[in-house]
Amino acid sequence: IPHIGLKNASVLFKQMEGQFVVFEATQSGYDLKKATKDEIAAWRAEKKKKRTVVLPGLNLDQKELKWLDKIRASETDAYGAKTSNLGEIVHGKVKGCFVPDAFGVPIHYYEAHMIRHGLDKKMKALLADEKVQSDAAYRRDELKKLREAILAAPIDKKLLDEVERNVNSMKAPKGVFVRSSTNAEDLPGFNGAGLYDTVPFVQGREDLAKAIKKVWASVWNLRAFEEREHFGIDHRKVYGAVLIQLAVPATAAGVLITANIFDKDDRDRFTINAKRGLGMKVVEGKRIPEQILFDTSNMGIRVLSRSDEKTILVFDRRGGVREVPNPGRGKPVLSDSRVLTLAFAAQAIQRLFPKHRALDIEWLFVHDRLYVVQARPYVTAR
């Protein structure tokens, strides 16, 4: 759930690139200033107190491209948490919600791609380069070179043949989302939201190959590298699995947190953010989403804000997505019945993951039919 969106941030804040800053979202905008030595020291000390992020084990021997109904939450070591958690939801047969057809491409194929083309050696050389640690601009450029090398290397033909067969066997194979499912996201203490790439509405063999490699390459996005560094995660132990999921033409989409994000002591309310169209991103940073608090103790619905976006995202028949005028601007995104459907499904999904105090659930509606496309531990800012 974003608290603020800023256009042209890379231009506005160019002079602060590579420096430590203090950034705060406020009711009217934001405050930004260069961090003092004392603030940096205090921040580092606080981070040392944080729980160490534990990556799941690695199963590099699993080669099967499994459909979600064959995958369980225990298989994060091969398919990543995103894919495995969705498999658990499919297995749980949650009443009132669906999961779009999908299958997982395990981490074995990422490693094989890296080794086959000598990219693993490039990666190790990058991580051993002291200048990568000390020079932000150099780090950005070297990571870009590694991503470009991953994209340029040809994908294994047998893998692509099998991916294409699976996609063509889907119930309505008009297009798919090719999504990241690394072993360093959707974890307790580290959700990795927005770090890795999703390629929307992919069509055809050639674009499937490009999309899979783009997702693999996104393991080395600058933002992903910086965030893992921030949490002390060993980059050498990060592997890219892929989730290939049927594209569903959402009429509304968003995120539900099975907690009150405004009051950590409130155990009764869920927080819902919603917008029209596809839920990939907030199209215009200055526009706020529809935000609702749902009270599980009395089924109460409290609307905090209504969405007023001028445009929405829809599928482009040629592939990818495009913006169109919002046909429902000014009208509620979620009816009361939709809120109830969503909240009841979220309660059932929460029961499937009893180890997690709260979940961050990505959902979408096609008219009144609810789909869940992601569920992960809710990680607070504390």
Protein backbone atom coordinates (compact mmCIF):
# COMPACT_ATOMS: atom_id res chain seq x y z
CA ILE A 1 0.00 0.00 0.00
CA PRO A 2 1.84 3.11 -1.15
CA HIS A 3 1.80 6.18 1.06
CA ILE A 4 3.06 8.55 -1.60
CA GLY A 5 3.86 8.62 -5.31
CA LEU A 6 6.25 11.11 -6.89
CA LYS A 7 6.72 11.76 -10.57
CA ASN A 8 10.21 12.61 -11.90
CA ALA A 9 11.83 11.80 -8.55
CA SER A 10 15.09 10.84 -10.28
CA VAL A 11 15.26 14.36 -11.72
CA LEU A 12 13.98 16.25 -8.69
CA PHE A 13 16.41 14.57 -6.32
CA LYS A 14 19.39 14.08 -8.67
CA GLN A 15 21.75 16.05 -6.41
CA MET A 16 21.07 13.63 -3.54
CA GLU A 17 21.79 10.45 -5.50
CA GLY A 18 24.08 8.13 -3.55
CA GLN A 19 23.58 10.01 -0.27
CA PHE A 20 21.71 9.09 2.90
CA VAL A 21 18.53 11.13 3.30
CA VAL A 22 15.57 11.39 5.64
CA PHE A 23 12.32 11.17 3.69
CA GLU A 24 8.88 11.47 5.25
CA ALA A 25 5.46 11.33 3.61
CA THR A 26 3.15 13.95 5.14
CA GLN A 27 -0.55 14.80 4.84
CA SER A 28 0.22 17.60 2.38
CA GLY A 29 3.22 16.16 0.53
CA TYR A 30 6.65 15.20 1.82
CA ASP A 31 9.74 16.35 3.71
CA LEU A 32 13.21 15.50 2.41
CA LYS A 33 16.61 16.43 3.80
CA LYS A 34 20.15 15.11 3.88
CA ALA A 35 20.73 12.84 6.86
CA THR A 36 23.16 13.90 9.57
CA LYS A 37 25.93 11.61 10.84
CA ASP A 38 23.97 11.06 14.06
CA GLU A 39 20.81 10.14 12.14
CA ILE A 40 22.74 7.67 9.97
CA ALA A 41 24.37 6.11 13.04
CA ALA A 42 21.01 5.80 14.81
CA TRP A 43 19.44 4.23 11.72
CA ARG A 44 22.25 1.69 11.42
CA ALA A 45 22.00 0.81 15.10
CA GLU A 46 18.25 0.26 14.76
CA LYS A 47 18.72 -1.97 11.74
CA LYS A 48 21.11 -4.19 13.67
CA LYS A 49 18.28 -4.90 16.10
CA LYS A 50 16.04 -6.14 13.32
CA ARG A 51 15.41 -9.81 12.90
CA THR A 52 17.73 -11.39 10.37
CA VAL A 53 15.93 -12.35 7.17
CA VAL A 54 16.11 -16.11 6.69
CA LEU A 55 15.96 -17.24 3.08
CA PRO A 56 14.31 -20.60 2.40
CA GLY A 57 16.55 -23.52 1.53
CA LEU A 58 17.44 -24.21 -2.08
CA ASN A 59 16.13 -27.08 -4.18
CA LEU A 60 18.02 -26.76 -7.45
CA ASP A 61 17.17 -30.29 -8.53
CA GLN A 62 13.45 -29.66 -9.07
CA LYS A 63 12.90 -29.29 -12.83
CA GLU A 64 9.15 -29.80 -13.20
CA LEU A 65 7.01 -26.91 -14.43
CA LYS A 66 4.21 -27.50 -11.93
CA TRP A 67 0.66 -26.18 -12.02
CA LEU A 68 -0.52 -24.42 -8.88
CA ASP A 69 -2.78 -27.27 -7.82
CA LYS A 70 0.34 -29.46 -7.49
CA ILE A 71 2.37 -26.95 -5.43
CA ARG A 72 2.23 -26.44 -1.67
CA ALA A 73 3.58 -23.73 0.63
CA SER A 74 6.42 -26.06 1.65
CA GLU A 75 7.95 -25.80 -1.85
CA THR A 76 9.32 -22.27 -1.55
CA ASP A 77 12.81 -23.76 -1.89
CA ALA A 78 12.12 -24.53 -5.56
CA TYR A 79 9.28 -22.23 -6.70
CA GLY A 80 9.59 -19.19 -4.42
CA ALA A 81 7.03 -18.02 -1.87
CA LYS A 82 4.71 -16.21 -4.29
CA THR A 83 4.03 -19.33 -6.35
CA SER A 84 4.00 -21.68 -3.38
CA ASN A 85 1.60 -19.54 -1.35
CA LEU A 86 -0.81 -19.39 -4.28
CA GLY A 87 -0.57 -23.16 -4.59
CA GLU A 88 -1.56 -23.45 -0.92
CA ILE A 89 -4.60 -21.22 -1.53
CA VAL A 90 -5.66 -23.35 -4.51
CA HIS A 91 -5.24 -26.47 -2.36
CA GLY A 92 -7.32 -24.82 0.42
CA LYS A 93 -10.30 -24.36 -1.93
CA VAL A 94 -11.31 -21.07 -0.36
CA LYS A 95 -15.03 -20.45 -0.81
CA GLY A 96 -15.95 -17.41 -2.85
CA CYS A 97 -12.58 -16.76 -4.47
CA PHE A 98 -10.54 -18.11 -7.36
CA VAL A 99 -6.89 -18.14 -8.41
CA PRO A 100 -6.11 -17.64 -12.13
CA ASP A 101 -4.56 -20.65 -13.88
CA ALA A 102 -0.80 -20.60 -13.40
CA PHE A 103 2.33 -22.72 -13.25
CA GLY A 104 5.76 -22.26 -11.71
CA VAL A 105 9.14 -22.33 -13.43
CA PRO A 106 11.54 -23.42 -10.66
CA ILE A 107 14.85 -21.77 -9.74
CA HIS A 108 16.74 -24.62 -11.44
CA TYR A 109 16.29 -22.90 -14.82
CA TYR A 110 17.57 -19.53 -13.59
CA GLU A 111 20.75 -21.19 -12.32
CA ALA A 112 21.12 -23.21 -15.54
CA HIS A 113 20.79 -20.04 -17.63
CA MET A 114 23.41 -18.27 -15.55
CA ILE A 115 25.91 -21.16 -15.69
CA ARG A 116 25.37 -22.02 -19.37
CA HIS A 117 26.34 -18.51 -20.48
CA GLY A 118 29.01 -17.76 -17.87
CA LEU A 119 26.75 -15.21 -16.19
CA ASP A 120 27.39 -16.73 -12.77
CA LYS A 121 31.03 -15.70 -13.11
CA LYS A 122 30.00 -12.15 -14.08
CA MET A 123 27.75 -12.04 -11.03
CA LYS A 124 30.47 -13.22 -8.66
CA ALA A 125 32.94 -10.72 -10.12
CA LEU A 126 30.42 -7.92 -9.59
CA LEU A 127 29.89 -8.88 -5.96
CA ALA A 128 33.64 -9.10 -5.37
CA ASP A 129 34.26 -5.62 -6.82
CA GLU A 130 34.88 -3.23 -3.91
CA LYS A 131 33.90 -0.26 -6.06
CA VAL A 132 30.39 -1.73 -6.39
CA GLN A 133 30.00 -1.29 -2.65
CA SER A 134 31.45 2.22 -2.45
CA ASP A 135 30.30 3.98 -5.63
CA ALA A 136 26.53 4.22 -6.20
CA ALA A 137 26.74 5.31 -9.85
CA TYR A 138 29.24 2.56 -10.67
CA ARG A 139 27.05 0.01 -8.87
CA ARG A 140 24.04 1.08 -10.93
CA ASP A 141 25.97 0.75 -14.19
CA GLU A 142 27.47 -2.65 -13.37
CA LEU A 143 24.10 -4.07 -12.37
CA LYS A 144 22.63 -2.80 -15.62
CA LYS A 145 25.40 -4.58 -17.57
CA LEU A 146 24.62 -7.84 -15.79
CA ARG A 147 20.91 -7.52 -16.52
CA GLU A 148 21.62 -6.81 -20.17
CA ALA A 149 23.83 -9.88 -20.38
CA ILE A 150 21.07 -12.06 -18.89
CA LEU A 151 18.59 -10.67 -21.42
CA ALA A 152 20.97 -11.10 -24.37
CA ALA A 153 21.76 -14.77 -23.68
CA PRO A 154 19.47 -17.23 -25.54
CA ILE A 155 16.97 -19.13 -23.43
CA ASP A 156 17.02 -22.94 -23.39
CA LYS A 157 14.83 -24.18 -26.28
CA LYS A 158 13.46 -27.20 -24.40
CA LEU A 159 12.36 -24.98 -21.52
CA LEU A 160 10.68 -22.53 -23.88
CA ASP A 161 8.92 -25.39 -25.70
CA GLU A 162 7.44 -26.61 -22.43
CA VAL A 163 6.44 -23.12 -21.30
CA GLU A 164 4.70 -22.51 -24.61
CA ARG A 165 2.82 -25.82 -24.41
CA ASN A 166 1.59 -24.98 -20.92
CA VAL A 167 0.48 -21.50 -21.90
CA ASN A 168 -1.38 -22.83 -24.94
CA SER A 169 -3.18 -25.38 -22.76
CA MET A 170 -4.70 -22.73 -20.49
CA LYS A 171 -8.47 -22.29 -20.57
CA ALA A 172 -8.35 -18.90 -22.29
CA PRO A 173 -4.78 -18.36 -23.54
CA LYS A 174 -5.16 -14.76 -24.73
CA GLY A 175 -2.19 -13.61 -22.68
CA VAL A 176 -0.29 -14.25 -19.47
CA PHE A 177 1.48 -12.37 -16.72
CA VAL A 178 5.10 -13.42 -16.27
CA ARG A 179 5.84 -12.69 -12.62
CA SER A 180 8.82 -12.93 -10.32
CA SER A 181 8.80 -15.55 -7.58
CA THR A 182 12.33 -15.29 -6.22
CA ASN A 183 13.41 -16.88 -2.97
CA ALA A 184 13.99 -13.34 -1.60
CA GLU A 185 10.45 -11.94 -1.55
CA ASP A 186 7.14 -12.59 0.23
CA LEU A 187 9.05 -13.69 3.34
CA PRO A 188 8.52 -12.94 7.05
CA GLY A 189 10.47 -9.74 7.68
CA PHE A 190 11.07 -9.05 3.97
CA ASN A 191 8.23 -8.79 1.48
CA GLY A 192 10.29 -7.44 -1.44
CA ALA A 193 7.29 -5.56 -2.85
CA GLY A 194 8.15 -3.73 -6.08
CA LEU A 195 11.74 -4.96 -6.23
CA TYR A 196 11.45 -7.43 -9.09
CA ASP A 197 9.71 -7.20 -12.45
CA THR A 198 6.33 -8.37 -13.73
CA VAL A 199 5.70 -8.44 -17.47
CA PRO A 200 1.96 -8.04 -18.22
CA PHE A 201 -0.21 -9.59 -20.91
CA VAL A 202 2.52 -11.49 -22.74
CA GLN A 203 1.58 -13.13 -26.05
CA GLY A 204 3.57 -15.44 -28.32
CA ARG A 205 6.71 -17.52 -28.04
CA GLU A 206 9.25 -14.77 -28.64
CA ASP A 207 7.72 -12.45 -26.06
CA LEU A 208 7.50 -15.31 -23.56
CA ALA A 209 11.27 -15.85 -23.89
CA LYS A 210 11.95 -12.13 -23.42
CA ALA A 211 9.62 -11.90 -20.43
CA ILE A 212 11.13 -14.87 -18.59
CA LYS A 213 14.63 -13.46 -19.04
CA LYS A 214 13.46 -10.01 -17.95
CA VAL A 215 12.11 -11.49 -14.72
CA TRP A 216 15.35 -13.42 -14.17
CA ALA A 217 17.37 -10.27 -14.85
CA SER A 218 15.29 -8.32 -12.34
CA VAL A 219 17.03 -10.26 -9.56
CA TRP A 220 19.73 -7.67 -10.26
CA ASN A 221 17.58 -4.55 -10.34
CA LEU A 222 19.27 -1.73 -8.47
CA ARG A 223 16.33 -1.35 -6.11
CA ALA A 224 16.39 -5.09 -5.34
CA PHE A 225 20.13 -5.07 -4.73
CA GLU A 226 19.91 -2.03 -2.44
CA GLU A 227 17.03 -3.44 -0.42
CA ARG A 228 18.70 -6.82 0.07
CA GLU A 229 21.89 -5.05 1.08
CA HIS A 230 19.85 -3.02 3.55
CA PHE A 231 18.56 -6.22 5.16
CA GLY A 232 21.88 -8.06 5.09
CA ILE A 233 20.75 -10.69 2.55
CA ASP A 234 23.52 -12.59 0.76
CA HIS A 235 23.02 -11.80 -2.94
CA ARG A 236 24.78 -15.01 -3.97
CA LYS A 237 21.94 -17.00 -2.39
CA VAL A 238 19.16 -15.26 -4.33
CA TYR A 239 17.60 -17.19 -7.21
CA GLY A 240 14.85 -16.30 -9.66
CA ALA A 241 11.86 -18.60 -10.02
CA VAL A 242 9.03 -17.48 -12.32
CA LEU A 243 5.24 -17.60 -12.05
CA ILE A 244 3.37 -17.68 -15.36
CA GLN A 245 -0.27 -16.81 -14.77
CA LEU A 246 -3.31 -16.40 -16.98
CA ALA A 247 -4.10 -12.72 -17.51
CA VAL A 248 -7.48 -11.86 -16.02
CA PRO A 249 -9.18 -8.65 -17.25
CA ALA A 250 -9.77 -7.04 -13.87
CA THR A 251 -12.48 -4.42 -13.51
CA ALA A 252 -11.18 -3.58 -10.01
CA ALA A 253 -8.05 -4.53 -8.11
CA GLY A 254 -6.08 -3.76 -5.01
CA VAL A 255 -4.59 -4.94 -1.74
CA LEU A 256 -6.11 -6.15 1.51
CA ILE A 257 -4.12 -6.24 4.75
CA THR A 258 -5.56 -8.46 7.46
CA ALA A 259 -4.67 -5.75 9.98
CA ASN A 260 -5.41 -2.11 10.67
CA ILE A 261 -2.33 -0.36 9.25
CA PHE A 262 -3.22 2.80 11.19
CA ASP A 263 -3.41 1.10 14.61
CA LYS A 264 -1.12 -1.84 15.34
CA ASP A 265 -3.09 -2.71 18.50
CA ASP A 266 -6.39 -3.10 16.62
CA ARG A 267 -6.90 -6.82 15.97
CA ASP A 268 -10.40 -6.55 14.48
CA ARG A 269 -10.08 -4.44 11.33
CA PHE A 270 -8.77 -5.13 7.84
CA THR A 271 -7.38 -2.39 5.57
CA ILE A 272 -8.46 -2.42 1.92
CA ASN A 273 -7.05 -0.34 -0.93
CA ALA A 274 -8.89 -0.49 -4.25
CA LYS A 275 -8.82 1.03 -7.73
CA ARG A 276 -10.49 0.38 -11.06
CA GLY A 277 -8.86 -1.62 -13.83
CA LEU A 278 -5.69 -3.65 -13.52
CA GLY A 279 -3.89 -3.49 -10.19
CA MET A 280 -0.28 -3.30 -11.37
CA LYS A 281 0.35 0.22 -10.10
CA VAL A 282 -1.26 3.51 -9.24
CA VAL A 283 -1.47 5.20 -12.62
CA GLU A 284 -1.20 8.75 -11.32
CA GLY A 285 0.82 9.32 -8.15
CA LYS A 286 -1.22 12.32 -7.02
CA ARG A 287 -4.45 10.29 -6.95
CA ILE A 288 -5.33 8.31 -3.85
CA PRO A 289 -6.99 4.87 -3.94
CA GLU A 290 -10.31 3.97 -2.44
CA GLN A 291 -9.47 3.00 1.14
CA ILE A 292 -11.74 1.07 3.46
CA LEU A 293 -11.57 -0.32 6.99
CA PHE A 294 -13.58 -3.50 7.51
CA ASP A 295 -14.46 -4.49 11.08
CA THR A 296 -14.49 -8.27 11.42
CA SER A 297 -16.25 -8.08 14.82
CA ASN A 298 -19.45 -6.50 13.51
CA MET A 299 -19.12 -6.51 9.69
CA GLY A 300 -18.84 -2.72 9.74
CA ILE A 301 -17.53 -0.91 6.64
CA ARG A 302 -15.86 2.47 7.03
CA VAL A 303 -14.84 4.33 3.87
CA LEU A 304 -11.76 6.50 4.44
CA SER A 305 -11.37 7.74 0.86
CA ARG A 306 -12.78 7.28 -2.62
CA SER A 307 -10.60 6.87 -5.69
CA ASP A 308 -10.74 9.70 -8.22
CA GLU A 309 -8.32 8.48 -10.88
CA LYS A 310 -8.73 9.99 -14.33
CA THR A 311 -7.38 6.89 -16.10
CA ILE A 312 -7.17 3.15 -15.58
CA LEU A 313 -4.96 0.36 -16.96
CA VAL A 314 -6.43 -2.22 -19.34
CA PHE A 315 -4.93 -4.92 -21.55
CA ASP A 316 -3.72 -3.89 -24.99
CA ARG A 317 -4.83 -6.46 -27.58
CA ARG A 318 -1.34 -6.23 -29.13
CA GLY A 319 0.25 -7.16 -25.80
CA GLY A 320 1.11 -5.24 -22.65
CA VAL A 321 -1.18 -2.64 -21.09
CA ARG A 322 -2.43 0.84 -21.89
CA GLU A 323 -4.17 3.71 -20.14
CA VAL A 324 -7.77 4.65 -20.96
CA PRO A 325 -10.18 7.16 -19.41
CA ASN A 326 -11.76 5.89 -16.19
CA PRO A 327 -15.43 5.12 -17.02
CA GLY A 328 -16.38 4.97 -13.33
CA ARG A 329 -14.61 8.07 -12.10
CA GLY A 330 -16.21 9.45 -8.94
CA LYS A 331 -18.17 6.26 -8.25
CA PRO A 332 -17.35 3.69 -5.53
CA VAL A 333 -14.96 0.96 -6.64
CA LEU A 334 -16.20 -1.60 -4.12
CA SER A 335 -19.84 -2.20 -3.24
CA ASP A 336 -20.69 -3.48 0.24
CA SER A 337 -21.24 -6.97 -1.16
CA ARG A 338 -17.80 -6.94 -2.79
CA VAL A 339 -16.21 -5.82 0.48
CA LEU A 340 -17.89 -8.69 2.32
CA THR A 341 -16.84 -11.23 -0.32
CA LEU A 342 -13.27 -9.99 -0.13
CA ALA A 343 -13.14 -9.88 3.68
CA PHE A 344 -14.60 -13.37 4.15
CA ALA A 345 -12.14 -14.81 1.63
CA ALA A 346 -9.27 -13.02 3.40
CA GLN A 347 -10.29 -14.57 6.73
CA ALA A 348 -10.24 -18.03 5.16
CA ILE A 349 -6.85 -17.40 3.53
CA GLN A 350 -5.45 -16.15 6.84
CA ARG A 351 -6.37 -19.51 8.40
CA LEU A 352 -4.27 -21.28 5.76
CA PHE A 353 -1.17 -19.45 7.03
CA PRO A 354 -1.44 -19.62 10.83
CA LYS A 355 2.22 -18.73 11.40
CA HIS A 356 1.70 -15.20 10.07
CA ARG A 357 0.05 -12.61 12.30
CA ALA A 358 -1.25 -10.71 9.27
CA LEU A 359 -1.26 -11.15 5.51
CA ASP A 360 -0.83 -8.78 2.56
CA ILE A 361 -3.28 -10.10 -0.07
CA GLU A 362 -3.37 -8.91 -3.68
CA TRP A 363 -6.81 -9.36 -5.23
CA LEU A 364 -8.91 -8.43 -8.22
CA PHE A 365 -12.51 -8.55 -9.32
CA VAL A 366 -13.89 -9.30 -12.77
CA HIS A 367 -17.30 -7.73 -12.16
CA ASP A 368 -18.36 -9.63 -9.00
CA ARG A 369 -16.04 -12.63 -9.35
CA LEU A 370 -13.12 -12.45 -6.89
CA TYR A 371 -9.61 -13.63 -7.73
CA VAL A 372 -6.55 -13.74 -5.46
CA VAL A 373 -3.19 -13.35 -7.16
CA GLN A 374 -0.80 -13.02 -4.21
CA ALA A 375 -0.63 -13.58 -0.45
CA ARG A 376 2.39 -12.89 1.70
CA PRO A 377 3.27 -11.97 5.30
CA TYR A 378 2.45 -8.35 6.10
CA VAL A 379 5.68 -6.65 7.05
CA THR A 380 5.35 -3.50 9.13
CA ALA A 381 7.76 -0.57 9.00
CA ARG A 382 8.89 -1.17 12.59
